[in-house]
Amino acid sequence: QVQLVESGGGLVQPGGSLRLSCAASGSIFSINAMGWYRQAPGKQRELVARITSIGSTNYKDSVKGRFTISRDNAKNTVYLQMNSLKPEDTAVYYCNADLSLWYDGILRSYDYWGQGTQVTVSS
């Protein structure tokens, strides 16, 4: 059974920083890509940042230069360092992982989501 466990959310003042972590566990053959999405009240879930197995990254335009995504392959963990936070960054942040698992003798790709962690930027 595969799980994604997130941590690091909370309340921070504008201009502050937070670091989110997401650890994948279970019978994982490989992690193809991991990313962070967010969903604010009344809005659709959107991609914030994503990193592939070879370290290629992409970011939502509004977070470029402020957020940094990284991963520790040995720990199956992805991080999101968020600096210069703004009130418009307030949302529930979800970890996402594209994983390769053995199923019925066949290596297949599956999409997993974490439970979400609240990030609130407010004075």
PDB file of N, CA and C in Angstrom:
ATOM      1  N   GLN A   1       0.842  -1.189   0.000  1.00  0.00           N
ATOM      2  CA  GLN A   1       0.000   0.000   0.000  1.00  0.00           C
ATOM      3  C   GLN A   1       0.876   1.237   0.000  1.00  0.00           C
ATOM      4  N   VAL A   2       0.566   2.179  -0.855  1.00  0.00           N
ATOM      5  CA  VAL A   2       1.371   3.384  -1.002  1.00  0.00           C
ATOM      6  C   VAL A   2       0.707   4.536  -0.255  1.00  0.00           C
ATOM      7  N   GLN A   3       1.534   5.314   0.418  1.00  0.00           N
ATOM      8  CA  GLN A   3       1.035   6.500   1.109  1.00  0.00           C
ATOM      9  C   GLN A   3       1.919   7.684   0.812  1.00  0.00           C
ATOM     10  N   LEU A   4       1.293   8.848   0.741  1.00  0.00           N
ATOM     11  CA  LEU A   4       2.010  10.114   0.677  1.00  0.00           C
ATOM     12  C   LEU A   4       1.654  10.881   1.939  1.00  0.00           C
ATOM     13  N   VAL A   5       2.651  11.216   2.728  1.00  0.00           N
ATOM     14  CA  VAL A   5       2.421  11.907   3.992  1.00  0.00           C
ATOM     15  C   VAL A   5       3.069  13.280   3.925  1.00  0.00           C
ATOM     16  N   GLU A   6       2.231  14.306   4.080  1.00  0.00           N
ATOM     17  CA  GLU A   6       2.688  15.685   3.982  1.00  0.00           C
ATOM     18  C   GLU A   6       2.872  16.282   5.369  1.00  0.00           C
ATOM     19  N   SER A   7       3.738  17.279   5.448  1.00  0.00           N
ATOM     20  CA  SER A   7       3.914  18.038   6.683  1.00  0.00           C
ATOM     21  C   SER A   7       4.460  19.411   6.350  1.00  0.00           C
ATOM     22  N   GLY A   8       4.342  20.327   7.312  1.00  0.00           N
ATOM     23  CA  GLY A   8       4.992  21.625   7.172  1.00  0.00           C
ATOM     24  C   GLY A   8       4.081  22.803   6.947  1.00  0.00           C
ATOM     25  N   GLY A   9       2.802  22.593   6.808  1.00  0.00           N
ATOM     26  CA  GLY A   9       1.897  23.724   6.610  1.00  0.00           C
ATOM     27  C   GLY A   9       1.716  24.519   7.894  1.00  0.00           C
ATOM     28  N   GLY A  10       0.992  25.630   7.783  1.00  0.00           N
ATOM     29  CA  GLY A  10       0.746  26.435   8.975  1.00  0.00           C
ATOM     30  C   GLY A  10       0.377  27.861   8.632  1.00  0.00           C
ATOM     31  N   LEU A  11       0.409  28.693   9.673  1.00  0.00           N
ATOM     32  CA  LEU A  11       0.089  30.115   9.533  1.00  0.00           C
ATOM     33  C   LEU A  11       1.382  30.918   9.541  1.00  0.00           C
ATOM     34  N   VAL A  12       1.517  31.812   8.587  1.00  0.00           N
ATOM     35  CA  VAL A  12       2.728  32.628   8.486  1.00  0.00           C
ATOM     36  C   VAL A  12       2.334  34.032   8.038  1.00  0.00           C
ATOM     37  N   GLN A  13       3.110  35.012   8.461  1.00  0.00           N
ATOM     38  CA  GLN A  13       2.849  36.395   8.062  1.00  0.00           C
ATOM     39  C   GLN A  13       3.333  36.638   6.630  1.00  0.00           C
ATOM     40  N   PRO A  14       2.749  37.603   5.952  1.00  0.00           N
ATOM     41  CA  PRO A  14       3.259  37.950   4.613  1.00  0.00           C
ATOM     42  C   PRO A  14       4.753  38.238   4.653  1.00  0.00           C
ATOM     43  N   GLY A  15       5.450  37.707   3.652  1.00  0.00           N
ATOM     44  CA  GLY A  15       6.897  37.836   3.598  1.00  0.00           C
ATOM     45  C   GLY A  15       7.637  36.716   4.289  1.00  0.00           C
ATOM     46  N   GLY A  16       6.911  35.882   4.997  1.00  0.00           N
ATOM     47  CA  GLY A  16       7.529  34.778   5.721  1.00  0.00           C
ATOM     48  C   GLY A  16       7.801  33.566   4.844  1.00  0.00           C
ATOM     49  N   SER A  17       8.285  32.510   5.484  1.00  0.00           N
ATOM     50  CA  SER A  17       8.666  31.293   4.767  1.00  0.00           C
ATOM     51  C   SER A  17       8.073  30.064   5.439  1.00  0.00           C
ATOM     52  N   LEU A  18       7.844  29.054   4.622  1.00  0.00           N
ATOM     53  CA  LEU A  18       7.452  27.731   5.097  1.00  0.00           C
ATOM     54  C   LEU A  18       8.113  26.692   4.213  1.00  0.00           C
ATOM     55  N   ARG A  19       8.304  25.513   4.771  1.00  0.00           N
ATOM     56  CA  ARG A  19       8.836  24.400   3.999  1.00  0.00           C
ATOM     57  C   ARG A  19       7.901  23.208   4.137  1.00  0.00           C
ATOM     58  N   LEU A  20       7.371  22.765   3.004  1.00  0.00           N
ATOM     59  CA  LEU A  20       6.514  21.592   2.990  1.00  0.00           C
ATOM     60  C   LEU A  20       7.334  20.354   2.638  1.00  0.00           C
ATOM     61  N   SER A  21       6.958  19.236   3.239  1.00  0.00           N
ATOM     62  CA  SER A  21       7.599  17.960   2.933  1.00  0.00           C
ATOM     63  C   SER A  21       6.530  16.937   2.582  1.00  0.00           C
ATOM     64  N   CYS A  22       6.899  16.012   1.708  1.00  0.00           N
ATOM     65  CA  CYS A  22       5.985  14.929   1.344  1.00  0.00           C
ATOM     66  C   CYS A  22       6.821  13.662   1.156  1.00  0.00           C
ATOM     67  N   ALA A  23       6.531  12.657   1.975  1.00  0.00           N
ATOM     68  CA  ALA A  23       7.266  11.402   1.917  1.00  0.00           C
ATOM     69  C   ALA A  23       6.369  10.307   1.360  1.00  0.00           C
ATOM     70  N   ALA A  24       6.891   9.598   0.365  1.00  0.00           N
ATOM     71  CA  ALA A  24       6.175   8.470  -0.221  1.00  0.00           C
ATOM     72  C   ALA A  24       6.693   7.175   0.394  1.00  0.00           C
ATOM     73  N   SER A  25       5.771   6.295   0.744  1.00  0.00           N
ATOM     74  CA  SER A  25       6.167   5.015   1.329  1.00  0.00           C
ATOM     75  C   SER A  25       5.323   3.903   0.729  1.00  0.00           C
ATOM     76  N   GLY A  26       5.861   2.674   0.832  1.00  0.00           N
ATOM     77  CA  GLY A  26       5.151   1.526   0.287  1.00  0.00           C
ATOM     78  C   GLY A  26       6.005   0.797  -0.726  1.00  0.00           C
ATOM     79  N   SER A  27       5.370  -0.120  -1.440  1.00  0.00           N
ATOM     80  CA  SER A  27       6.081  -0.947  -2.419  1.00  0.00           C
ATOM     81  C   SER A  27       6.205  -0.203  -3.749  1.00  0.00           C
ATOM     82  N   ILE A  28       7.128   0.731  -3.763  1.00  0.00           N
ATOM     83  CA  ILE A  28       7.331   1.600  -4.924  1.00  0.00           C
ATOM     84  C   ILE A  28       8.527   1.123  -5.727  1.00  0.00           C
ATOM     85  N   PHE A  29       8.329   0.905  -7.017  1.00  0.00           N
ATOM     86  CA  PHE A  29       9.463   0.537  -7.865  1.00  0.00           C
ATOM     87  C   PHE A  29      10.290   1.781  -8.195  1.00  0.00           C
ATOM     88  N   SER A  30       9.595   2.831  -8.628  1.00  0.00           N
ATOM     89  CA  SER A  30      10.293   4.081  -8.922  1.00  0.00           C
ATOM     90  C   SER A  30       9.313   5.256  -8.838  1.00  0.00           C
ATOM     91  N   ILE A  31       9.883   6.421  -8.591  1.00  0.00           N
ATOM     92  CA  ILE A  31       9.092   7.654  -8.583  1.00  0.00           C
ATOM     93  C   ILE A  31       9.432   8.428  -9.844  1.00  0.00           C
ATOM     94  N   ASN A  32       8.467   8.592 -10.712  1.00  0.00           N
ATOM     95  CA  ASN A  32       8.709   9.238 -11.992  1.00  0.00           C
ATOM     96  C   ASN A  32       8.723  10.756 -11.865  1.00  0.00           C
ATOM     97  N   ALA A  33       7.803  11.277 -11.086  1.00  0.00           N
ATOM     98  CA  ALA A  33       7.731  12.718 -10.857  1.00  0.00           C
ATOM     99  C   ALA A  33       6.947  12.965  -9.583  1.00  0.00           C
ATOM    100  N   MET A  34       7.239  14.078  -8.933  1.00  0.00           N
ATOM    101  CA  MET A  34       6.478  14.501  -7.758  1.00  0.00           C
ATOM    102  C   MET A  34       6.209  15.991  -7.885  1.00  0.00           C
ATOM    103  N   GLY A  35       5.121  16.404  -7.305  1.00  0.00           N
ATOM    104  CA  GLY A  35       4.781  17.815  -7.426  1.00  0.00           C
ATOM    105  C   GLY A  35       3.878  18.281  -6.311  1.00  0.00           C
ATOM    106  N   TRP A  36       3.664  19.578  -6.310  1.00  0.00           N
ATOM    107  CA  TRP A  36       2.770  20.216  -5.351  1.00  0.00           C
ATOM    108  C   TRP A  36       1.696  20.988  -6.113  1.00  0.00           C
ATOM    109  N   TYR A  37       0.474  20.762  -5.689  1.00  0.00           N
ATOM    110  CA  TYR A  37      -0.674  21.498  -6.205  1.00  0.00           C
ATOM    111  C   TYR A  37      -1.294  22.257  -5.038  1.00  0.00           C
ATOM    112  N   ARG A  38      -2.132  23.223  -5.360  1.00  0.00           N
ATOM    113  CA  ARG A  38      -2.850  23.923  -4.297  1.00  0.00           C
ATOM    114  C   ARG A  38      -4.260  24.243  -4.753  1.00  0.00           C
ATOM    115  N   GLN A  39      -5.126  24.373  -3.745  1.00  0.00           N
ATOM    116  CA  GLN A  39      -6.515  24.708  -4.024  1.00  0.00           C
ATOM    117  C   GLN A  39      -7.007  25.700  -2.985  1.00  0.00           C
ATOM    118  N   ALA A  40      -7.344  26.874  -3.451  1.00  0.00           N
ATOM    119  CA  ALA A  40      -7.905  27.903  -2.584  1.00  0.00           C
ATOM    120  C   ALA A  40      -9.435  27.777  -2.591  1.00  0.00           C
ATOM    121  N   PRO A  41     -10.100  28.288  -1.569  1.00  0.00           N
ATOM    122  CA  PRO A  41     -11.562  28.193  -1.509  1.00  0.00           C
ATOM    123  C   PRO A  41     -12.222  28.782  -2.749  1.00  0.00           C
ATOM    124  N   GLY A  42     -13.107  28.018  -3.368  1.00  0.00           N
ATOM    125  CA  GLY A  42     -13.831  28.479  -4.527  1.00  0.00           C
ATOM    126  C   GLY A  42     -13.052  28.446  -5.829  1.00  0.00           C
ATOM    127  N   LYS A  43     -11.840  27.897  -5.785  1.00  0.00           N
ATOM    128  CA  LYS A  43     -11.002  27.854  -6.985  1.00  0.00           C
ATOM    129  C   LYS A  43     -10.630  26.427  -7.320  1.00  0.00           C
ATOM    130  N   GLN A  44     -10.189  26.236  -8.559  1.00  0.00           N
ATOM    131  CA  GLN A  44      -9.760  24.919  -8.986  1.00  0.00           C
ATOM    132  C   GLN A  44      -8.355  24.617  -8.474  1.00  0.00           C
ATOM    133  N   ARG A  45      -8.078  23.328  -8.342  1.00  0.00           N
ATOM    134  CA  ARG A  45      -6.735  22.915  -7.954  1.00  0.00           C
ATOM    135  C   ARG A  45      -5.770  23.259  -9.086  1.00  0.00           C
ATOM    136  N   GLU A  46      -4.600  23.787  -8.721  1.00  0.00           N
ATOM    137  CA  GLU A  46      -3.627  24.213  -9.729  1.00  0.00           C
ATOM    138  C   GLU A  46      -2.238  23.703  -9.390  1.00  0.00           C
ATOM    139  N   LEU A  47      -1.452  23.499 -10.421  1.00  0.00           N
ATOM    140  CA  LEU A  47      -0.072  23.070 -10.234  1.00  0.00           C
ATOM    141  C   LEU A  47       0.756  24.239  -9.716  1.00  0.00           C
ATOM    142  N   VAL A  48       1.540  23.959  -8.689  1.00  0.00           N
ATOM    143  CA  VAL A  48       2.451  24.960  -8.134  1.00  0.00           C
ATOM    144  C   VAL A  48       3.874  24.698  -8.621  1.00  0.00           C
ATOM    145  N   ALA A  49       4.316  23.456  -8.469  1.00  0.00           N
ATOM    146  CA  ALA A  49       5.671  23.090  -8.873  1.00  0.00           C
ATOM    147  C   ALA A  49       5.744  21.588  -9.046  1.00  0.00           C
ATOM    148  N   ARG A  50       6.667  21.166  -9.928  1.00  0.00           N
ATOM    149  CA  ARG A  50       6.806  19.747 -10.222  1.00  0.00           C
ATOM    150  C   ARG A  50       8.257  19.448 -10.517  1.00  0.00           C
ATOM    151  N   ILE A  51       8.705  18.251 -10.114  1.00  0.00           N
ATOM    152  CA  ILE A  51      10.079  17.840 -10.369  1.00  0.00           C
ATOM    153  C   ILE A  51      10.074  16.405 -10.860  1.00  0.00           C
ATOM    154  N   THR A  52      10.850  16.139 -11.915  1.00  0.00           N
ATOM    155  CA  THR A  52      10.895  14.797 -12.484  1.00  0.00           C
ATOM    156  C   THR A  52      12.004  13.968 -11.836  1.00  0.00           C
ATOM    157  N   SER A  53      12.099  12.726 -12.268  1.00  0.00           N
ATOM    158  CA  SER A  53      13.090  11.823 -11.709  1.00  0.00           C
ATOM    159  C   SER A  53      14.519  12.261 -12.018  1.00  0.00           C
ATOM    160  N   ILE A  54      14.683  13.044 -13.082  1.00  0.00           N
ATOM    161  CA  ILE A  54      16.030  13.507 -13.431  1.00  0.00           C
ATOM    162  C   ILE A  54      16.263  14.932 -12.961  1.00  0.00           C
ATOM    163  N   GLY A  55      15.311  15.466 -12.191  1.00  0.00           N
ATOM    164  CA  GLY A  55      15.527  16.773 -11.584  1.00  0.00           C
ATOM    165  C   GLY A  55      15.021  17.962 -12.382  1.00  0.00           C
ATOM    166  N   SER A  56      14.347  17.720 -13.473  1.00  0.00           N
ATOM    167  CA  SER A  56      13.762  18.830 -14.223  1.00  0.00           C
ATOM    168  C   SER A  56      12.589  19.397 -13.447  1.00  0.00           C
ATOM    169  N   THR A  57      12.504  20.721 -13.427  1.00  0.00           N
ATOM    170  CA  THR A  57      11.457  21.372 -12.641  1.00  0.00           C
ATOM    171  C   THR A  57      10.620  22.322 -13.508  1.00  0.00           C
ATOM    172  N   ASN A  58       9.397  22.529 -13.068  1.00  0.00           N
ATOM    173  CA  ASN A  58       8.593  23.599 -13.647  1.00  0.00           C
ATOM    174  C   ASN A  58       7.716  24.186 -12.550  1.00  0.00           C
ATOM    175  N   TYR A  59       7.437  25.478 -12.708  1.00  0.00           N
ATOM    176  CA  TYR A  59       6.734  26.234 -11.665  1.00  0.00           C
ATOM    177  C   TYR A  59       5.592  27.053 -12.261  1.00  0.00           C
ATOM    178  N   LYS A  60       4.602  27.273 -11.439  1.00  0.00           N
ATOM    179  CA  LYS A  60       3.564  28.254 -11.774  1.00  0.00           C
ATOM    180  C   LYS A  60       4.245  29.623 -11.830  1.00  0.00           C
ATOM    181  N   ASP A  61       3.849  30.427 -12.798  1.00  0.00           N
ATOM    182  CA  ASP A  61       4.536  31.706 -13.005  1.00  0.00           C
ATOM    183  C   ASP A  61       4.565  32.570 -11.746  1.00  0.00           C
ATOM    184  N   SER A  62       3.479  32.591 -11.002  1.00  0.00           N
ATOM    185  CA  SER A  62       3.385  33.504  -9.870  1.00  0.00           C
ATOM    186  C   SER A  62       4.270  33.104  -8.682  1.00  0.00           C
ATOM    187  N   VAL A  63       4.854  31.909  -8.708  1.00  0.00           N
ATOM    188  CA  VAL A  63       5.719  31.485  -7.603  1.00  0.00           C
ATOM    189  C   VAL A  63       7.185  31.416  -8.012  1.00  0.00           C
ATOM    190  N   LYS A  64       7.466  31.629  -9.275  1.00  0.00           N
ATOM    191  CA  LYS A  64       8.858  31.573  -9.741  1.00  0.00           C
ATOM    192  C   LYS A  64       9.693  32.614  -8.995  1.00  0.00           C
ATOM    193  N   GLY A  65      10.851  32.179  -8.545  1.00  0.00           N
ATOM    194  CA  GLY A  65      11.735  33.071  -7.812  1.00  0.00           C
ATOM    195  C   GLY A  65      11.445  33.118  -6.319  1.00  0.00           C
ATOM    196  N   ARG A  66      10.300  32.576  -5.907  1.00  0.00           N
ATOM    197  CA  ARG A  66       9.944  32.558  -4.486  1.00  0.00           C
ATOM    198  C   ARG A  66       9.904  31.135  -3.931  1.00  0.00           C
ATOM    199  N   PHE A  67       9.448  30.180  -4.734  1.00  0.00           N
ATOM    200  CA  PHE A  67       9.324  28.785  -4.299  1.00  0.00           C
ATOM    201  C   PHE A  67      10.402  27.950  -4.976  1.00  0.00           C
ATOM    202  N   THR A  68      10.870  26.944  -4.256  1.00  0.00           N
ATOM    203  CA  THR A  68      11.839  26.008  -4.803  1.00  0.00           C
ATOM    204  C   THR A  68      11.420  24.587  -4.458  1.00  0.00           C
ATOM    205  N   ILE A  69      11.307  23.754  -5.481  1.00  0.00           N
ATOM    206  CA  ILE A  69      10.986  22.343  -5.265  1.00  0.00           C
ATOM    207  C   ILE A  69      12.275  21.524  -5.362  1.00  0.00           C
ATOM    208  N   SER A  70      12.391  20.537  -4.488  1.00  0.00           N
ATOM    209  CA  SER A  70      13.563  19.664  -4.504  1.00  0.00           C
ATOM    210  C   SER A  70      13.127  18.285  -4.049  1.00  0.00           C
ATOM    211  N   ARG A  71      13.996  17.303  -4.262  1.00  0.00           N
ATOM    212  CA  ARG A  71      13.653  15.955  -3.841  1.00  0.00           C
ATOM    213  C   ARG A  71      14.879  15.228  -3.327  1.00  0.00           C
ATOM    214  N   ASP A  72      14.629  14.320  -2.391  1.00  0.00           N
ATOM    215  CA  ASP A  72      15.661  13.441  -1.855  1.00  0.00           C
ATOM    216  C   ASP A  72      15.259  12.032  -2.290  1.00  0.00           C
ATOM    217  N   ASN A  73      15.927  11.532  -3.319  1.00  0.00           N
ATOM    218  CA  ASN A  73      15.540  10.235  -3.882  1.00  0.00           C
ATOM    219  C   ASN A  73      15.730   9.099  -2.877  1.00  0.00           C
ATOM    220  N   ALA A  74      16.735   9.206  -2.043  1.00  0.00           N
ATOM    221  CA  ALA A  74      17.000   8.146  -1.065  1.00  0.00           C
ATOM    222  C   ALA A  74      15.875   8.037  -0.036  1.00  0.00           C
ATOM    223  N   LYS A  75      15.205   9.158   0.201  1.00  0.00           N
ATOM    224  CA  LYS A  75      14.128   9.180   1.191  1.00  0.00           C
ATOM    225  C   LYS A  75      12.747   9.203   0.547  1.00  0.00           C
ATOM    226  N   ASN A  76      12.689   9.146  -0.787  1.00  0.00           N
ATOM    227  CA  ASN A  76      11.403   9.233  -1.497  1.00  0.00           C
ATOM    228  C   ASN A  76      10.594  10.441  -1.033  1.00  0.00           C
ATOM    229  N   THR A  77      11.275  11.542  -0.886  1.00  0.00           N
ATOM    230  CA  THR A  77      10.657  12.741  -0.311  1.00  0.00           C
ATOM    231  C   THR A  77      10.848  13.938  -1.242  1.00  0.00           C
ATOM    232  N   VAL A  78       9.795  14.751  -1.334  1.00  0.00           N
ATOM    233  CA  VAL A  78       9.863  15.987  -2.092  1.00  0.00           C
ATOM    234  C   VAL A  78       9.603  17.143  -1.132  1.00  0.00           C
ATOM    235  N   TYR A  79      10.262  18.254  -1.372  1.00  0.00           N
ATOM    236  CA  TYR A  79      10.144  19.431  -0.527  1.00  0.00           C
ATOM    237  C   TYR A  79       9.694  20.624  -1.367  1.00  0.00           C
ATOM    238  N   LEU A  80       9.014  21.540  -0.708  1.00  0.00           N
ATOM    239  CA  LEU A  80       8.680  22.810  -1.339  1.00  0.00           C
ATOM    240  C   LEU A  80       9.055  23.918  -0.371  1.00  0.00           C
ATOM    241  N   GLN A  81      10.127  24.622  -0.682  1.00  0.00           N
ATOM    242  CA  GLN A  81      10.547  25.768   0.107  1.00  0.00           C
ATOM    243  C   GLN A  81       9.829  26.994  -0.426  1.00  0.00           C
ATOM    244  N   MET A  82       9.046  27.615   0.439  1.00  0.00           N
ATOM    245  CA  MET A  82       8.236  28.767   0.035  1.00  0.00           C
ATOM    246  C   MET A  82       8.721  29.999   0.782  1.00  0.00           C
ATOM    247  N   ASN A  83       9.252  30.961   0.045  1.00  0.00           N
ATOM    248  CA  ASN A  83       9.737  32.214   0.614  1.00  0.00           C
ATOM    249  C   ASN A  83       8.899  33.380   0.122  1.00  0.00           C
ATOM    250  N   SER A  84       9.026  34.492   0.790  1.00  0.00           N
ATOM    251  CA  SER A  84       8.296  35.715   0.407  1.00  0.00           C
ATOM    252  C   SER A  84       6.818  35.430   0.176  1.00  0.00           C
ATOM    253  N   LEU A  85       6.244  34.735   1.119  1.00  0.00           N
ATOM    254  CA  LEU A  85       4.843  34.314   0.960  1.00  0.00           C
ATOM    255  C   LEU A  85       3.901  35.513   0.945  1.00  0.00           C
ATOM    256  N   LYS A  86       2.851  35.353   0.147  1.00  0.00           N
ATOM    257  CA  LYS A  86       1.847  36.401  -0.024  1.00  0.00           C
ATOM    258  C   LYS A  86       0.480  35.866   0.392  1.00  0.00           C
ATOM    259  N   PRO A  87      -0.435  36.741   0.748  1.00  0.00           N
ATOM    260  CA  PRO A  87      -1.787  36.257   1.113  1.00  0.00           C
ATOM    261  C   PRO A  87      -2.425  35.413   0.013  1.00  0.00           C
ATOM    262  N   GLU A  88      -2.125  35.714  -1.238  1.00  0.00           N
ATOM    263  CA  GLU A  88      -2.716  34.926  -2.333  1.00  0.00           C
ATOM    264  C   GLU A  88      -2.139  33.523  -2.459  1.00  0.00           C
ATOM    265  N   ASP A  89      -1.128  33.212  -1.657  1.00  0.00           N
ATOM    266  CA  ASP A  89      -0.598  31.843  -1.608  1.00  0.00           C
ATOM    267  C   ASP A  89      -1.411  30.968  -0.657  1.00  0.00           C
ATOM    268  N   THR A  90      -2.335  31.575   0.062  1.00  0.00           N
ATOM    269  CA  THR A  90      -3.157  30.812   1.003  1.00  0.00           C
ATOM    270  C   THR A  90      -3.999  29.778   0.265  1.00  0.00           C
ATOM    271  N   ALA A  91      -3.871  28.527   0.695  1.00  0.00           N
ATOM    272  CA  ALA A  91      -4.576  27.420   0.048  1.00  0.00           C
ATOM    273  C   ALA A  91      -4.262  26.133   0.802  1.00  0.00           C
ATOM    274  N   VAL A  92      -4.958  25.076   0.418  1.00  0.00           N
ATOM    275  CA  VAL A  92      -4.562  23.737   0.836  1.00  0.00           C
ATOM    276  C   VAL A  92      -3.579  23.223  -0.220  1.00  0.00           C
ATOM    277  N   TYR A  93      -2.433  22.794   0.235  1.00  0.00           N
ATOM    278  CA  TYR A  93      -1.390  22.303  -0.653  1.00  0.00           C
ATOM    279  C   TYR A  93      -1.400  20.779  -0.649  1.00  0.00           C
ATOM    280  N   TYR A  94      -1.417  20.205  -1.848  1.00  0.00           N
ATOM    281  CA  TYR A  94      -1.472  18.757  -1.998  1.00  0.00           C
ATOM    282  C   TYR A  94      -0.202  18.247  -2.691  1.00  0.00           C
ATOM    283  N   CYS A  95       0.319  17.182  -2.159  1.00  0.00           N
ATOM    284  CA  CYS A  95       1.437  16.491  -2.782  1.00  0.00           C
ATOM    285  C   CYS A  95       0.883  15.505  -3.815  1.00  0.00           C
ATOM    286  N   ASN A  96       1.573  15.406  -4.931  1.00  0.00           N
ATOM    287  CA  ASN A  96       1.191  14.467  -5.985  1.00  0.00           C
ATOM    288  C   ASN A  96       2.423  13.686  -6.421  1.00  0.00           C
ATOM    289  N   ALA A  97       2.227  12.392  -6.708  1.00  0.00           N
ATOM    290  CA  ALA A  97       3.346  11.579  -7.152  1.00  0.00           C
ATOM    291  C   ALA A  97       2.915  10.651  -8.275  1.00  0.00           C
ATOM    292  N   ASP A  98       3.743  10.574  -9.292  1.00  0.00           N
ATOM    293  CA  ASP A  98       3.577   9.631 -10.401  1.00  0.00           C
ATOM    294  C   ASP A  98       4.527   8.476 -10.123  1.00  0.00           C
ATOM    295  N   LEU A  99       3.965   7.325  -9.726  1.00  0.00           N
ATOM    296  CA  LEU A  99       4.756   6.206  -9.242  1.00  0.00           C
ATOM    297  C   LEU A  99       4.633   5.009 -10.167  1.00  0.00           C
ATOM    298  N   SER A 100       5.718   4.247 -10.259  1.00  0.00           N
ATOM    299  CA  SER A 100       5.695   2.973 -10.972  1.00  0.00           C
ATOM    300  C   SER A 100       5.649   1.858  -9.937  1.00  0.00           C
ATOM    301  N   LEU A 101       4.625   0.998 -10.051  1.00  0.00           N
ATOM    302  CA  LEU A 101       4.428  -0.111  -9.122  1.00  0.00           C
ATOM    303  C   LEU A 101       4.244  -1.401  -9.902  1.00  0.00           C
ATOM    304  N   TRP A 102       4.667  -2.519  -9.298  1.00  0.00           N
ATOM    305  CA  TRP A 102       4.370  -3.818  -9.885  1.00  0.00           C
ATOM    306  C   TRP A 102       2.948  -4.205  -9.511  1.00  0.00           C
ATOM    307  N   TYR A 103       2.174  -4.595 -10.511  1.00  0.00           N
ATOM    308  CA  TYR A 103       0.800  -5.026 -10.276  1.00  0.00           C
ATOM    309  C   TYR A 103       0.505  -6.168 -11.229  1.00  0.00           C
ATOM    310  N   ASP A 104       0.202  -7.347 -10.649  1.00  0.00           N
ATOM    311  CA  ASP A 104      -0.060  -8.538 -11.466  1.00  0.00           C
ATOM    312  C   ASP A 104       1.091  -8.824 -12.432  1.00  0.00           C
ATOM    313  N   GLY A 105       2.317  -8.599 -11.945  1.00  0.00           N
ATOM    314  CA  GLY A 105       3.473  -8.920 -12.756  1.00  0.00           C
ATOM    315  C   GLY A 105       3.802  -7.899 -13.826  1.00  0.00           C
ATOM    316  N   ILE A 106       3.062  -6.809 -13.837  1.00  0.00           N
ATOM    317  CA  ILE A 106       3.286  -5.774 -14.846  1.00  0.00           C
ATOM    318  C   ILE A 106       3.637  -4.461 -14.142  1.00  0.00           C
ATOM    319  N   LEU A 107       4.641  -3.801 -14.662  1.00  0.00           N
ATOM    320  CA  LEU A 107       5.029  -2.508 -14.108  1.00  0.00           C
ATOM    321  C   LEU A 107       4.094  -1.435 -14.676  1.00  0.00           C
ATOM    322  N   ARG A 108       3.360  -0.783 -13.772  1.00  0.00           N
ATOM    323  CA  ARG A 108       2.370   0.202 -14.198  1.00  0.00           C
ATOM    324  C   ARG A 108       2.629   1.530 -13.507  1.00  0.00           C
ATOM    325  N   SER A 109       2.110   2.589 -14.118  1.00  0.00           N
ATOM    326  CA  SER A 109       2.231   3.928 -13.560  1.00  0.00           C
ATOM    327  C   SER A 109       0.924   4.318 -12.874  1.00  0.00           C
ATOM    328  N   TYR A 110       1.045   4.860 -11.683  1.00  0.00           N
ATOM    329  CA  TYR A 110      -0.123   5.269 -10.913  1.00  0.00           C
ATOM    330  C   TYR A 110       0.079   6.679 -10.392  1.00  0.00           C
ATOM    331  N   ASP A 111      -1.036   7.367 -10.192  1.00  0.00           N
ATOM    332  CA  ASP A 111      -1.046   8.737  -9.690  1.00  0.00           C
ATOM    333  C   ASP A 111      -1.582   8.739  -8.264  1.00  0.00           C
ATOM    334  N   TYR A 112      -0.810   9.290  -7.339  1.00  0.00           N
ATOM    335  CA  TYR A 112      -1.222   9.332  -5.937  1.00  0.00           C
ATOM    336  C   TYR A 112      -1.251  10.759  -5.432  1.00  0.00           C
ATOM    337  N   TRP A 113      -2.131  10.972  -4.442  1.00  0.00           N
ATOM    338  CA  TRP A 113      -2.278  12.287  -3.815  1.00  0.00           C
ATOM    339  C   TRP A 113      -2.130  12.177  -2.303  1.00  0.00           C
ATOM    340  N   GLY A 114      -1.556  13.214  -1.716  1.00  0.00           N
ATOM    341  CA  GLY A 114      -1.522  13.311  -0.266  1.00  0.00           C
ATOM    342  C   GLY A 114      -2.842  13.861   0.248  1.00  0.00           C
ATOM    343  N   GLN A 115      -2.914  13.974   1.579  1.00  0.00           N
ATOM    344  CA  GLN A 115      -4.175  14.388   2.201  1.00  0.00           C
ATOM    345  C   GLN A 115      -4.352  15.899   2.213  1.00  0.00           C
ATOM    346  N   GLY A 116      -3.303  16.626   1.934  1.00  0.00           N
ATOM    347  CA  GLY A 116      -3.363  18.079   1.895  1.00  0.00           C
ATOM    348  C   GLY A 116      -2.926  18.708   3.200  1.00  0.00           C
ATOM    349  N   THR A 117      -2.286  19.866   3.102  1.00  0.00           N
ATOM    350  CA  THR A 117      -1.868  20.609   4.274  1.00  0.00           C
ATOM    351  C   THR A 117      -2.193  22.086   4.056  1.00  0.00           C
ATOM    352  N   GLN A 118      -2.747  22.704   5.088  1.00  0.00           N
ATOM    353  CA  GLN A 118      -3.201  24.082   4.966  1.00  0.00           C
ATOM    354  C   GLN A 118      -2.037  25.051   5.117  1.00  0.00           C
ATOM    355  N   VAL A 119      -1.961  25.985   4.190  1.00  0.00           N
ATOM    356  CA  VAL A 119      -1.011  27.098   4.280  1.00  0.00           C
ATOM    357  C   VAL A 119      -1.831  28.385   4.304  1.00  0.00           C
ATOM    358  N   THR A 120      -1.654  29.164   5.369  1.00  0.00           N
ATOM    359  CA  THR A 120      -2.377  30.425   5.505  1.00  0.00           C
ATOM    360  C   THR A 120      -1.373  31.548   5.678  1.00  0.00           C
ATOM    361  N   VAL A 121      -1.462  32.533   4.797  1.00  0.00           N
ATOM    362  CA  VAL A 121      -0.574  33.693   4.852  1.00  0.00           C
ATOM    363  C   VAL A 121      -1.416  34.904   5.239  1.00  0.00           C
ATOM    364  N   SER A 122      -1.198  35.389   6.447  1.00  0.00           N
ATOM    365  CA  SER A 122      -2.036  36.468   6.957  1.00  0.00           C
ATOM    366  C   SER A 122      -1.320  37.195   8.083  1.00  0.00           C
ATOM    367  N   SER A 123      -1.580  38.482   8.187  1.00  0.00           N
ATOM    368  CA  SER A 123      -1.037  39.264   9.294  1.00  0.00           C
ATOM    369  C   SER A 123      -2.034  39.327  10.445  1.00  0.00           C
TER     370      SER A 123
END
